[in-house]
């Protein structure tokens, strides 16, 4: 049963923000778009987050820095999950809330918007990394096979190996820590996000030129080796080669030119997710943003500027919630 009287209150945990549900059926880890993910996402996405919270989900807002090295930032986001997990259990047990949902990784889901979807895609793609270091290096070399820069290859291999080993250790540490809090074991089957549902809202997997104008400046940055990593092609290769992305939902918007090419790549080239897990709504790239005032929602940077709660729900939130339930 949906509880519409619950107040969405975020508390800082590690580098993130957590809204703890008293009776959670799961956890949603939310990664926002580039600008909005850095500056107060709990305000810009307030209405969407409130609707998800009322459905029975603890909400974690994962921040990220503005950087062109998305490998590094994806690693930070994965480390952050392991920092937050024991805190969820501890906070819930101290507050007298249910915490059983936090003990199984299948109860954790991901929702991203815009650039945030790229980070989720990287985390899921990394799930396919082989546990053996030699096999892992070959997987990465195949992924970056078109590059002739051996130093870049070695750097990526080294960074991912360090991350993989660190998360493996972290998993064992988290299990021990949680057991010390509640004397219960946790069920986590992957150091990354295998088996966890994800929804991509207006995904934008873009190159340096999307962030830097004019194009010749972006070309100079790329030629100096300072451009976006991984590139669009590398990210797409990782998604394809992983063989995963089978419990993913895709939400696109009819007037959205920023995510248009990424949406078309998923549906026409990758041919994932299945049709039942795809939605297309009216609106532009910033449709997910919104703040409730009384019985109305202010659609920040989108038209119409103001619409009733019922209209907003019909046009977006209800469908996202239904998609989440279908994926589970």
C-alpha atoms as a PDB file:
ATOM      1  CA  UNK A   1       0.000   0.000   0.000  1.00  0.00           C
ATOM      2  CA  UNK A   2       1.344   3.431  -0.966  1.00  0.00           C
ATOM      3  CA  UNK A   3       1.896   5.834   1.923  1.00  0.00           C
ATOM      4  CA  UNK A   4       1.539   9.413   0.683  1.00  0.00           C
ATOM      5  CA  UNK A   5       2.096  10.899   4.147  1.00  0.00           C
ATOM      6  CA  UNK A   6       5.777   9.991   4.277  1.00  0.00           C
ATOM      7  CA  UNK A   7       8.154  12.928   4.202  1.00  0.00           C
ATOM      8  CA  UNK A   8      11.188  12.695   1.968  1.00  0.00           C
ATOM      9  CA  UNK A   9      14.122  13.693   4.157  1.00  0.00           C
ATOM     10  CA  UNK A  10      17.703  13.236   3.024  1.00  0.00           C
ATOM     11  CA  UNK A  11      20.647  12.775   5.357  1.00  0.00           C
ATOM     12  CA  UNK A  12      24.312  12.900   4.342  1.00  0.00           C
ATOM     13  CA  UNK A  13      26.011   9.496   4.354  1.00  0.00           C
ATOM     14  CA  UNK A  14      29.607   9.342   3.129  1.00  0.00           C
ATOM     15  CA  UNK A  15      29.568  11.533  -0.018  1.00  0.00           C
ATOM     16  CA  UNK A  16      25.917  10.770  -0.796  1.00  0.00           C
ATOM     17  CA  UNK A  17      22.422  11.584   0.441  1.00  0.00           C
ATOM     18  CA  UNK A  18      20.047   8.959   1.823  1.00  0.00           C
ATOM     19  CA  UNK A  19      16.277   9.063   2.450  1.00  0.00           C
ATOM     20  CA  UNK A  20      15.591   6.061   4.681  1.00  0.00           C
ATOM     21  CA  UNK A  21      12.181   4.417   4.283  1.00  0.00           C
ATOM     22  CA  UNK A  22      10.746   2.919   7.510  1.00  0.00           C
ATOM     23  CA  UNK A  23       9.484  -0.219   5.715  1.00  0.00           C
ATOM     24  CA  UNK A  24      11.567  -0.501   2.548  1.00  0.00           C
ATOM     25  CA  UNK A  25      10.849  -3.059  -0.124  1.00  0.00           C
ATOM     26  CA  UNK A  26      14.054  -2.058  -1.868  1.00  0.00           C
ATOM     27  CA  UNK A  27      16.656   0.603  -2.558  1.00  0.00           C
ATOM     28  CA  UNK A  28      16.855   2.960  -5.535  1.00  0.00           C
ATOM     29  CA  UNK A  29      20.278   4.405  -6.269  1.00  0.00           C
ATOM     30  CA  UNK A  30      19.767   7.539  -8.336  1.00  0.00           C
ATOM     31  CA  UNK A  31      22.437   9.171 -10.503  1.00  0.00           C
ATOM     32  CA  UNK A  32      21.343  12.466 -12.020  1.00  0.00           C
ATOM     33  CA  UNK A  33      22.476  14.397 -15.085  1.00  0.00           C
ATOM     34  CA  UNK A  34      25.758  16.329 -15.378  1.00  0.00           C
ATOM     35  CA  UNK A  35      24.846  19.731 -13.902  1.00  0.00           C
ATOM     36  CA  UNK A  36      21.909  18.571 -11.783  1.00  0.00           C
ATOM     37  CA  UNK A  37      23.812  15.593 -10.395  1.00  0.00           C
ATOM     38  CA  UNK A  38      26.465  17.904  -8.998  1.00  0.00           C
ATOM     39  CA  UNK A  39      24.189  20.593  -7.540  1.00  0.00           C
ATOM     40  CA  UNK A  40      21.351  19.594  -5.168  1.00  0.00           C
ATOM     41  CA  UNK A  41      19.686  16.755  -7.140  1.00  0.00           C
ATOM     42  CA  UNK A  42      17.278  16.308  -4.197  1.00  0.00           C
ATOM     43  CA  UNK A  43      15.750  19.643  -5.210  1.00  0.00           C
ATOM     44  CA  UNK A  44      15.735  19.397  -9.008  1.00  0.00           C
ATOM     45  CA  UNK A  45      14.289  15.842  -9.070  1.00  0.00           C
ATOM     46  CA  UNK A  46      12.169  16.287  -5.950  1.00  0.00           C
ATOM     47  CA  UNK A  47       8.809  15.164  -7.320  1.00  0.00           C
ATOM     48  CA  UNK A  48      10.106  12.000  -9.012  1.00  0.00           C
ATOM     49  CA  UNK A  49      12.065  11.033  -5.892  1.00  0.00           C
ATOM     50  CA  UNK A  50       9.052  11.653  -3.636  1.00  0.00           C
ATOM     51  CA  UNK A  51       6.893   9.367  -5.809  1.00  0.00           C
ATOM     52  CA  UNK A  52       9.496   6.581  -5.670  1.00  0.00           C
ATOM     53  CA  UNK A  53       9.878   7.007  -1.913  1.00  0.00           C
ATOM     54  CA  UNK A  54       6.122   6.731  -1.416  1.00  0.00           C
ATOM     55  CA  UNK A  55       6.186   3.430  -3.301  1.00  0.00           C
ATOM     56  CA  UNK A  56       8.336   1.953  -0.543  1.00  0.00           C
ATOM     57  CA  UNK A  57      11.921   2.578  -1.636  1.00  0.00           C
ATOM     58  CA  UNK A  58      14.848   3.939   0.310  1.00  0.00           C
ATOM     59  CA  UNK A  59      16.494   6.513  -1.969  1.00  0.00           C
ATOM     60  CA  UNK A  60      20.232   7.043  -2.344  1.00  0.00           C
ATOM     61  CA  UNK A  61      21.418  10.066  -4.321  1.00  0.00           C
ATOM     62  CA  UNK A  62      24.906   9.353  -5.635  1.00  0.00           C
ATOM     63  CA  UNK A  63      26.902  12.463  -6.568  1.00  0.00           C
ATOM     64  CA  UNK A  64      29.702  12.702  -9.094  1.00  0.00           C
ATOM     65  CA  UNK A  65      32.314  15.265  -9.996  1.00  0.00           C
ATOM     66  CA  UNK A  66      32.468  17.010 -13.335  1.00  0.00           C
ATOM     67  CA  UNK A  67      35.260  15.152 -15.093  1.00  0.00           C
ATOM     68  CA  UNK A  68      36.033  13.707 -18.507  1.00  0.00           C
ATOM     69  CA  UNK A  69      37.453  10.506 -16.972  1.00  0.00           C
ATOM     70  CA  UNK A  70      34.264   8.520 -16.452  1.00  0.00           C
ATOM     71  CA  UNK A  71      36.210   5.344 -15.657  1.00  0.00           C
ATOM     72  CA  UNK A  72      37.511   6.955 -12.473  1.00  0.00           C
ATOM     73  CA  UNK A  73      34.142   8.393 -11.483  1.00  0.00           C
ATOM     74  CA  UNK A  74      32.345   5.070 -12.082  1.00  0.00           C
ATOM     75  CA  UNK A  75      34.861   3.481  -9.733  1.00  0.00           C
ATOM     76  CA  UNK A  76      34.095   6.132  -7.113  1.00  0.00           C
ATOM     77  CA  UNK A  77      30.344   5.413  -7.417  1.00  0.00           C
ATOM     78  CA  UNK A  78      30.904   1.692  -6.910  1.00  0.00           C
ATOM     79  CA  UNK A  79      33.101   2.292  -3.861  1.00  0.00           C
ATOM     80  CA  UNK A  80      30.404   4.602  -2.518  1.00  0.00           C
ATOM     81  CA  UNK A  81      27.812   1.818  -2.615  1.00  0.00           C
ATOM     82  CA  UNK A  82      29.994  -0.251  -0.290  1.00  0.00           C
ATOM     83  CA  UNK A  83      30.484   2.702   2.056  1.00  0.00           C
ATOM     84  CA  UNK A  84      26.732   3.312   2.284  1.00  0.00           C
ATOM     85  CA  UNK A  85      25.462  -0.281   2.574  1.00  0.00           C
ATOM     86  CA  UNK A  86      26.502  -0.974   6.189  1.00  0.00           C
ATOM     87  CA  UNK A  87      25.316   2.517   7.153  1.00  0.00           C
ATOM     88  CA  UNK A  88      21.833   1.716   5.804  1.00  0.00           C
ATOM     89  CA  UNK A  89      21.606  -1.338   8.043  1.00  0.00           C
ATOM     90  CA  UNK A  90      23.021   0.506  11.053  1.00  0.00           C
ATOM     91  CA  UNK A  91      20.770   3.565  10.636  1.00  0.00           C
ATOM     92  CA  UNK A  92      17.662   1.434  10.129  1.00  0.00           C
ATOM     93  CA  UNK A  93      18.335  -0.795  13.160  1.00  0.00           C
ATOM     94  CA  UNK A  94      18.991   2.235  15.402  1.00  0.00           C
ATOM     95  CA  UNK A  95      15.786   3.951  14.181  1.00  0.00           C
ATOM     96  CA  UNK A  96      13.714   0.792  14.617  1.00  0.00           C
ATOM     97  CA  UNK A  97      13.077   0.530  10.853  1.00  0.00           C
ATOM     98  CA  UNK A  98      12.999  -2.653   8.781  1.00  0.00           C
ATOM     99  CA  UNK A  99      16.378  -3.487   7.247  1.00  0.00           C
ATOM    100  CA  UNK A 100      15.840  -6.938   5.685  1.00  0.00           C
ATOM    101  CA  UNK A 101      15.687  -5.466   2.154  1.00  0.00           C
ATOM    102  CA  UNK A 102      19.270  -4.234   2.526  1.00  0.00           C
ATOM    103  CA  UNK A 103      20.626  -7.755   3.018  1.00  0.00           C
ATOM    104  CA  UNK A 104      20.097  -8.921  -0.591  1.00  0.00           C
ATOM    105  CA  UNK A 105      21.587  -7.229  -3.660  1.00  0.00           C
ATOM    106  CA  UNK A 106      18.524  -8.155  -5.760  1.00  0.00           C
ATOM    107  CA  UNK A 107      16.601  -5.497  -3.811  1.00  0.00           C
ATOM    108  CA  UNK A 108      18.896  -2.745  -5.099  1.00  0.00           C
ATOM    109  CA  UNK A 109      17.933  -0.881  -8.286  1.00  0.00           C
ATOM    110  CA  UNK A 110      19.472   1.948 -10.301  1.00  0.00           C
ATOM    111  CA  UNK A 111      17.813   4.906 -11.998  1.00  0.00           C
ATOM    112  CA  UNK A 112      19.863   7.383 -13.988  1.00  0.00           C
ATOM    113  CA  UNK A 113      19.166  10.495 -16.006  1.00  0.00           C
ATOM    114  CA  UNK A 114      21.243  11.794 -18.919  1.00  0.00           C
ATOM    115  CA  UNK A 115      24.976  11.378 -18.153  1.00  0.00           C
ATOM    116  CA  UNK A 116      24.052   9.433 -15.012  1.00  0.00           C
ATOM    117  CA  UNK A 117      22.899   6.625 -17.334  1.00  0.00           C
ATOM    118  CA  UNK A 118      26.422   6.328 -18.737  1.00  0.00           C
ATOM    119  CA  UNK A 119      27.782   5.655 -15.265  1.00  0.00           C
ATOM    120  CA  UNK A 120      25.148   2.964 -14.674  1.00  0.00           C
ATOM    121  CA  UNK A 121      26.012   1.436 -18.053  1.00  0.00           C
ATOM    122  CA  UNK A 122      29.713   1.332 -17.115  1.00  0.00           C
ATOM    123  CA  UNK A 123      28.954  -0.328 -13.778  1.00  0.00           C
ATOM    124  CA  UNK A 124      26.810  -2.973 -15.429  1.00  0.00           C
ATOM    125  CA  UNK A 125      29.345  -3.499 -18.204  1.00  0.00           C
ATOM    126  CA  UNK A 126      32.105  -3.972 -15.620  1.00  0.00           C
ATOM    127  CA  UNK A 127      30.006  -6.791 -14.143  1.00  0.00           C
ATOM    128  CA  UNK A 128      31.149  -8.913 -17.112  1.00  0.00           C
ATOM    129  CA  UNK A 129      34.841  -8.525 -16.183  1.00  0.00           C
ATOM    130  CA  UNK A 130      36.414 -11.975 -15.644  1.00  0.00           C
ATOM    131  CA  UNK A 131      37.699 -12.670 -12.102  1.00  0.00           C
ATOM    132  CA  UNK A 132      41.077 -13.853 -13.425  1.00  0.00           C
ATOM    133  CA  UNK A 133      43.489 -10.879 -13.954  1.00  0.00           C
ATOM    134  CA  UNK A 134      44.889 -12.217 -17.256  1.00  0.00           C
ATOM    135  CA  UNK A 135      41.407 -12.824 -18.659  1.00  0.00           C
ATOM    136  CA  UNK A 136      40.372  -9.406 -17.411  1.00  0.00           C
ATOM    137  CA  UNK A 137      43.272  -7.731 -19.224  1.00  0.00           C
ATOM    138  CA  UNK A 138      42.357  -9.523 -22.463  1.00  0.00           C
ATOM    139  CA  UNK A 139      38.724  -8.420 -22.081  1.00  0.00           C
ATOM    140  CA  UNK A 140      39.822  -4.793 -21.741  1.00  0.00           C
ATOM    141  CA  UNK A 141      42.296  -5.038 -24.643  1.00  0.00           C
ATOM    142  CA  UNK A 142      39.533  -6.433 -26.865  1.00  0.00           C
ATOM    143  CA  UNK A 143      37.308  -3.564 -25.763  1.00  0.00           C
ATOM    144  CA  UNK A 144      39.950  -0.968 -26.701  1.00  0.00           C
ATOM    145  CA  UNK A 145      41.351  -2.941 -29.636  1.00  0.00           C
ATOM    146  CA  UNK A 146      41.212  -0.046 -32.111  1.00  0.00           C
ATOM    147  CA  UNK A 147      43.476   2.205 -30.066  1.00  0.00           C
ATOM    148  CA  UNK A 148      47.243   2.119 -30.710  1.00  0.00           C
ATOM    149  CA  UNK A 149      48.084   3.900 -27.465  1.00  0.00           C
ATOM    150  CA  UNK A 150      49.692   1.181 -25.333  1.00  0.00           C
ATOM    151  CA  UNK A 151      50.116   3.548 -22.380  1.00  0.00           C
ATOM    152  CA  UNK A 152      46.351   4.203 -22.333  1.00  0.00           C
ATOM    153  CA  UNK A 153      45.644   0.477 -22.482  1.00  0.00           C
ATOM    154  CA  UNK A 154      47.988  -0.237 -19.585  1.00  0.00           C
ATOM    155  CA  UNK A 155      46.533   2.616 -17.551  1.00  0.00           C
ATOM    156  CA  UNK A 156      42.947   1.399 -17.968  1.00  0.00           C
ATOM    157  CA  UNK A 157      43.942  -2.213 -17.221  1.00  0.00           C
ATOM    158  CA  UNK A 158      45.807  -1.140 -14.067  1.00  0.00           C
ATOM    159  CA  UNK A 159      42.962   1.085 -12.817  1.00  0.00           C
ATOM    160  CA  UNK A 160      40.294  -1.573 -13.363  1.00  0.00           C
ATOM    161  CA  UNK A 161      42.427  -4.299 -11.748  1.00  0.00           C
ATOM    162  CA  UNK A 162      42.953  -2.113  -8.680  1.00  0.00           C
ATOM    163  CA  UNK A 163      39.218  -1.347  -8.509  1.00  0.00           C
ATOM    164  CA  UNK A 164      38.242  -5.016  -8.938  1.00  0.00           C
ATOM    165  CA  UNK A 165      40.576  -6.178  -6.167  1.00  0.00           C
ATOM    166  CA  UNK A 166      39.546  -3.332  -3.867  1.00  0.00           C
ATOM    167  CA  UNK A 167      35.835  -4.091  -4.271  1.00  0.00           C
ATOM    168  CA  UNK A 168      36.447  -7.795  -3.689  1.00  0.00           C
ATOM    169  CA  UNK A 169      38.083  -6.956  -0.354  1.00  0.00           C
ATOM    170  CA  UNK A 170      35.362  -4.421   0.409  1.00  0.00           C
ATOM    171  CA  UNK A 171      32.617  -7.027  -0.071  1.00  0.00           C
ATOM    172  CA  UNK A 172      34.137  -9.249   2.609  1.00  0.00           C
ATOM    173  CA  UNK A 173      34.593  -6.285   4.967  1.00  0.00           C
ATOM    174  CA  UNK A 174      30.997  -5.123   4.514  1.00  0.00           C
ATOM    175  CA  UNK A 175      29.629  -8.606   5.210  1.00  0.00           C
ATOM    176  CA  UNK A 176      31.564  -8.770   8.492  1.00  0.00           C
ATOM    177  CA  UNK A 177      30.527  -5.245   9.484  1.00  0.00           C
ATOM    178  CA  UNK A 178      26.822  -5.850   8.853  1.00  0.00           C
ATOM    179  CA  UNK A 179      26.965  -9.144  10.740  1.00  0.00           C
ATOM    180  CA  UNK A 180      28.414  -7.283  13.720  1.00  0.00           C
ATOM    181  CA  UNK A 181      25.421  -4.887  13.622  1.00  0.00           C
ATOM    182  CA  UNK A 182      22.481  -7.289  13.206  1.00  0.00           C
ATOM    183  CA  UNK A 183      23.974 -10.813  13.329  1.00  0.00           C
ATOM    184  CA  UNK A 184      22.692 -11.621   9.855  1.00  0.00           C
ATOM    185  CA  UNK A 185      24.455 -12.523   6.630  1.00  0.00           C
ATOM    186  CA  UNK A 186      24.038 -10.531   3.432  1.00  0.00           C
ATOM    187  CA  UNK A 187      23.583 -11.976  -0.038  1.00  0.00           C
ATOM    188  CA  UNK A 188      25.750 -10.072  -2.514  1.00  0.00           C
ATOM    189  CA  UNK A 189      26.681 -12.080  -5.620  1.00  0.00           C
ATOM    190  CA  UNK A 190      28.827  -9.617  -7.552  1.00  0.00           C
ATOM    191  CA  UNK A 191      31.335  -6.882  -6.809  1.00  0.00           C
ATOM    192  CA  UNK A 192      29.482  -4.778  -9.386  1.00  0.00           C
ATOM    193  CA  UNK A 193      25.734  -4.655 -10.131  1.00  0.00           C
ATOM    194  CA  UNK A 194      24.881  -8.011 -11.717  1.00  0.00           C
ATOM    195  CA  UNK A 195      21.229  -8.920 -11.261  1.00  0.00           C
ATOM    196  CA  UNK A 196      20.219  -5.400 -10.229  1.00  0.00           C
ATOM    197  CA  UNK A 197      17.438  -3.675 -12.175  1.00  0.00           C
ATOM    198  CA  UNK A 198      18.208  -0.369 -13.901  1.00  0.00           C
ATOM    199  CA  UNK A 199      16.118   2.309 -15.631  1.00  0.00           C
ATOM    200  CA  UNK A 200      17.786   4.784 -17.977  1.00  0.00           C
ATOM    201  CA  UNK A 201      15.931   8.095 -18.322  1.00  0.00           C
ATOM    202  CA  UNK A 202      16.985   9.974 -21.471  1.00  0.00           C
ATOM    203  CA  UNK A 203      20.442   8.313 -21.545  1.00  0.00           C
ATOM    204  CA  UNK A 204      23.192  10.485 -23.013  1.00  0.00           C
ATOM    205  CA  UNK A 205      26.387   8.668 -23.994  1.00  0.00           C
ATOM    206  CA  UNK A 206      28.224  11.521 -25.681  1.00  0.00           C
ATOM    207  CA  UNK A 207      31.711  12.616 -26.707  1.00  0.00           C
ATOM    208  CA  UNK A 208      33.853  15.594 -25.725  1.00  0.00           C
ATOM    209  CA  UNK A 209      32.101  17.761 -28.311  1.00  0.00           C
ATOM    210  CA  UNK A 210      28.851  17.596 -26.336  1.00  0.00           C
ATOM    211  CA  UNK A 211      30.499  19.364 -23.381  1.00  0.00           C
ATOM    212  CA  UNK A 212      32.986  21.650 -25.165  1.00  0.00           C
ATOM    213  CA  UNK A 213      32.094  24.183 -27.857  1.00  0.00           C
ATOM    214  CA  UNK A 214      33.129  24.990 -30.533  1.00  0.00           C
ATOM    215  CA  UNK A 215      34.018  21.593 -32.008  1.00  0.00           C
ATOM    216  CA  UNK A 216      37.635  22.492 -32.885  1.00  0.00           C
ATOM    217  CA  UNK A 217      38.361  22.996 -29.159  1.00  0.00           C
ATOM    218  CA  UNK A 218      36.911  19.574 -28.403  1.00  0.00           C
ATOM    219  CA  UNK A 219      39.111  18.115 -31.157  1.00  0.00           C
ATOM    220  CA  UNK A 220      42.207  19.718 -29.635  1.00  0.00           C
ATOM    221  CA  UNK A 221      41.342  18.307 -26.186  1.00  0.00           C
ATOM    222  CA  UNK A 222      40.788  14.841 -27.695  1.00  0.00           C
ATOM    223  CA  UNK A 223      44.088  14.999 -29.602  1.00  0.00           C
ATOM    224  CA  UNK A 224      45.901  15.872 -26.378  1.00  0.00           C
ATOM    225  CA  UNK A 225      44.389  12.780 -24.746  1.00  0.00           C
ATOM    226  CA  UNK A 226      42.317  14.823 -22.309  1.00  0.00           C
ATOM    227  CA  UNK A 227      38.909  14.067 -23.816  1.00  0.00           C
ATOM    228  CA  UNK A 228      36.022  11.955 -22.552  1.00  0.00           C
ATOM    229  CA  UNK A 229      37.004   8.455 -21.431  1.00  0.00           C
ATOM    230  CA  UNK A 230      35.615   6.015 -22.320  1.00  0.00           C
ATOM    231  CA  UNK A 231      34.530   7.349 -25.697  1.00  0.00           C
ATOM    232  CA  UNK A 232      31.093   6.687 -27.149  1.00  0.00           C
ATOM    233  CA  UNK A 233      32.498   3.760 -29.160  1.00  0.00           C
ATOM    234  CA  UNK A 234      34.293   2.256 -26.149  1.00  0.00           C
ATOM    235  CA  UNK A 235      31.167   2.532 -24.006  1.00  0.00           C
ATOM    236  CA  UNK A 236      29.018   0.938 -26.682  1.00  0.00           C
ATOM    237  CA  UNK A 237      31.553  -1.888 -27.099  1.00  0.00           C
ATOM    238  CA  UNK A 238      31.489  -2.531 -23.343  1.00  0.00           C
ATOM    239  CA  UNK A 239      27.686  -2.670 -23.346  1.00  0.00           C
ATOM    240  CA  UNK A 240      27.610  -5.029 -26.356  1.00  0.00           C
ATOM    241  CA  UNK A 241      30.467  -7.290 -25.224  1.00  0.00           C
ATOM    242  CA  UNK A 242      29.103  -7.703 -21.702  1.00  0.00           C
ATOM    243  CA  UNK A 243      26.064  -9.647 -22.926  1.00  0.00           C
ATOM    244  CA  UNK A 244      24.119  -8.111 -20.027  1.00  0.00           C
ATOM    245  CA  UNK A 245      21.515  -5.311 -19.894  1.00  0.00           C
ATOM    246  CA  UNK A 246      18.665  -7.826 -19.783  1.00  0.00           C
ATOM    247  CA  UNK A 247      16.776  -6.264 -16.856  1.00  0.00           C
ATOM    248  CA  UNK A 248      16.988  -2.675 -18.012  1.00  0.00           C
ATOM    249  CA  UNK A 249      14.230  -0.188 -18.758  1.00  0.00           C
ATOM    250  CA  UNK A 250      14.663   2.593 -21.317  1.00  0.00           C
ATOM    251  CA  UNK A 251      12.718   5.872 -21.149  1.00  0.00           C
ATOM    252  CA  UNK A 252      13.043   8.380 -23.994  1.00  0.00           C
ATOM    253  CA  UNK A 253      11.311  11.668 -24.795  1.00  0.00           C
ATOM    254  CA  UNK A 254       9.885  12.780 -28.120  1.00  0.00           C
ATOM    255  CA  UNK A 255      11.418  16.276 -28.158  1.00  0.00           C
ATOM    256  CA  UNK A 256      14.790  15.234 -26.726  1.00  0.00           C
ATOM    257  CA  UNK A 257      17.656  15.834 -29.144  1.00  0.00           C
ATOM    258  CA  UNK A 258      20.397  15.342 -26.519  1.00  0.00           C
ATOM    259  CA  UNK A 259      19.612  11.658 -25.851  1.00  0.00           C
ATOM    260  CA  UNK A 260      18.167  10.893 -29.284  1.00  0.00           C
ATOM    261  CA  UNK A 261      21.234   9.141 -30.730  1.00  0.00           C
ATOM    262  CA  UNK A 262      21.785   7.045 -27.581  1.00  0.00           C
ATOM    263  CA  UNK A 263      18.121   5.992 -27.470  1.00  0.00           C
ATOM    264  CA  UNK A 264      18.281   5.023 -31.153  1.00  0.00           C
ATOM    265  CA  UNK A 265      21.479   3.041 -30.589  1.00  0.00           C
ATOM    266  CA  UNK A 266      19.909   1.005 -27.779  1.00  0.00           C
ATOM    267  CA  UNK A 267      16.720   0.262 -29.714  1.00  0.00           C
ATOM    268  CA  UNK A 268      18.004  -0.090 -33.305  1.00  0.00           C
ATOM    269  CA  UNK A 269      21.580  -1.394 -32.937  1.00  0.00           C
ATOM    270  CA  UNK A 270      21.769  -3.140 -29.575  1.00  0.00           C
ATOM    271  CA  UNK A 271      18.049  -4.034 -29.775  1.00  0.00           C
ATOM    272  CA  UNK A 272      17.720  -3.864 -26.015  1.00  0.00           C
ATOM    273  CA  UNK A 273      15.719  -3.699 -23.894  1.00  0.00           C
ATOM    274  CA  UNK A 274      12.674  -5.658 -25.187  1.00  0.00           C
ATOM    275  CA  UNK A 275       9.723  -3.574 -26.354  1.00  0.00           C
ATOM    276  CA  UNK A 276       7.854  -4.196 -23.069  1.00  0.00           C
ATOM    277  CA  UNK A 277      10.627  -2.409 -21.178  1.00  0.00           C
ATOM    278  CA  UNK A 278      10.702   0.704 -23.377  1.00  0.00           C
ATOM    279  CA  UNK A 279       8.699   3.894 -22.901  1.00  0.00           C
ATOM    280  CA  UNK A 280       8.502   7.087 -24.916  1.00  0.00           C
ATOM    281  CA  UNK A 281       6.853  10.180 -23.478  1.00  0.00           C
ATOM    282  CA  UNK A 282       6.098  13.710 -24.583  1.00  0.00           C
ATOM    283  CA  UNK A 283       8.620  16.299 -23.444  1.00  0.00           C
ATOM    284  CA  UNK A 284      12.270  17.176 -23.704  1.00  0.00           C
ATOM    285  CA  UNK A 285      15.515  16.044 -22.146  1.00  0.00           C
ATOM    286  CA  UNK A 286      14.787  17.635 -18.758  1.00  0.00           C
ATOM    287  CA  UNK A 287      11.326  16.118 -18.348  1.00  0.00           C
ATOM    288  CA  UNK A 288      12.319  14.151 -15.172  1.00  0.00           C
ATOM    289  CA  UNK A 289      12.989  17.386 -13.251  1.00  0.00           C
ATOM    290  CA  UNK A 290      10.118  18.756 -11.191  1.00  0.00           C
ATOM    291  CA  UNK A 291       9.093  20.250  -7.849  1.00  0.00           C
ATOM    292  CA  UNK A 292       5.628  19.890  -6.264  1.00  0.00           C
ATOM    293  CA  UNK A 293       3.777  22.943  -4.970  1.00  0.00           C
ATOM    294  CA  UNK A 294       0.438  21.923  -3.474  1.00  0.00           C
ATOM    295  CA  UNK A 295      -1.582  20.064  -6.103  1.00  0.00           C
ATOM    296  CA  UNK A 296       0.700  21.183  -8.930  1.00  0.00           C
ATOM    297  CA  UNK A 297       4.153  20.297 -10.231  1.00  0.00           C
ATOM    298  CA  UNK A 298       6.591  22.891 -11.555  1.00  0.00           C
ATOM    299  CA  UNK A 299       8.307  21.316 -14.573  1.00  0.00           C
ATOM    300  CA  UNK A 300      11.722  22.916 -14.432  1.00  0.00           C
ATOM    301  CA  UNK A 301      13.045  23.786 -17.910  1.00  0.00           C
ATOM    302  CA  UNK A 302      10.224  21.868 -19.625  1.00  0.00           C
ATOM    303  CA  UNK A 303       6.767  22.549 -21.036  1.00  0.00           C
ATOM    304  CA  UNK A 304       4.166  22.924 -19.703  1.00  0.00           C
ATOM    305  CA  UNK A 305       5.763  24.887 -16.889  1.00  0.00           C
ATOM    306  CA  UNK A 306       2.955  24.000 -14.484  1.00  0.00           C
ATOM    307  CA  UNK A 307       0.671  20.954 -14.513  1.00  0.00           C
ATOM    308  CA  UNK A 308      -1.507  19.174 -12.005  1.00  0.00           C
ATOM    309  CA  UNK A 309      -0.128  16.261 -10.010  1.00  0.00           C
ATOM    310  CA  UNK A 310      -2.572  13.952 -11.814  1.00  0.00           C
ATOM    311  CA  UNK A 311      -1.417  15.092 -15.272  1.00  0.00           C
ATOM    312  CA  UNK A 312       2.254  14.838 -14.337  1.00  0.00           C
ATOM    313  CA  UNK A 313       1.763  11.332 -12.929  1.00  0.00           C
ATOM    314  CA  UNK A 314      -0.135  10.203 -16.025  1.00  0.00           C
ATOM    315  CA  UNK A 315       2.545  11.558 -18.313  1.00  0.00           C
ATOM    316  CA  UNK A 316       5.601  10.246 -16.487  1.00  0.00           C
ATOM    317  CA  UNK A 317       5.868   9.028 -12.875  1.00  0.00           C
ATOM    318  CA  UNK A 318       3.170   6.319 -12.938  1.00  0.00           C
ATOM    319  CA  UNK A 319       4.726   4.749 -16.026  1.00  0.00           C
ATOM    320  CA  UNK A 320       8.237   4.794 -14.521  1.00  0.00           C
ATOM    321  CA  UNK A 321       6.936   3.103 -11.361  1.00  0.00           C
ATOM    322  CA  UNK A 322       5.075   0.477 -13.424  1.00  0.00           C
ATOM    323  CA  UNK A 323       8.209  -0.125 -15.493  1.00  0.00           C
ATOM    324  CA  UNK A 324      10.245  -0.636 -12.315  1.00  0.00           C
ATOM    325  CA  UNK A 325       7.726  -3.188 -11.032  1.00  0.00           C
ATOM    326  CA  UNK A 326       7.675  -5.038 -14.377  1.00  0.00           C
ATOM    327  CA  UNK A 327      11.459  -5.306 -14.406  1.00  0.00           C
ATOM    328  CA  UNK A 328      11.441  -6.823 -10.934  1.00  0.00           C
END
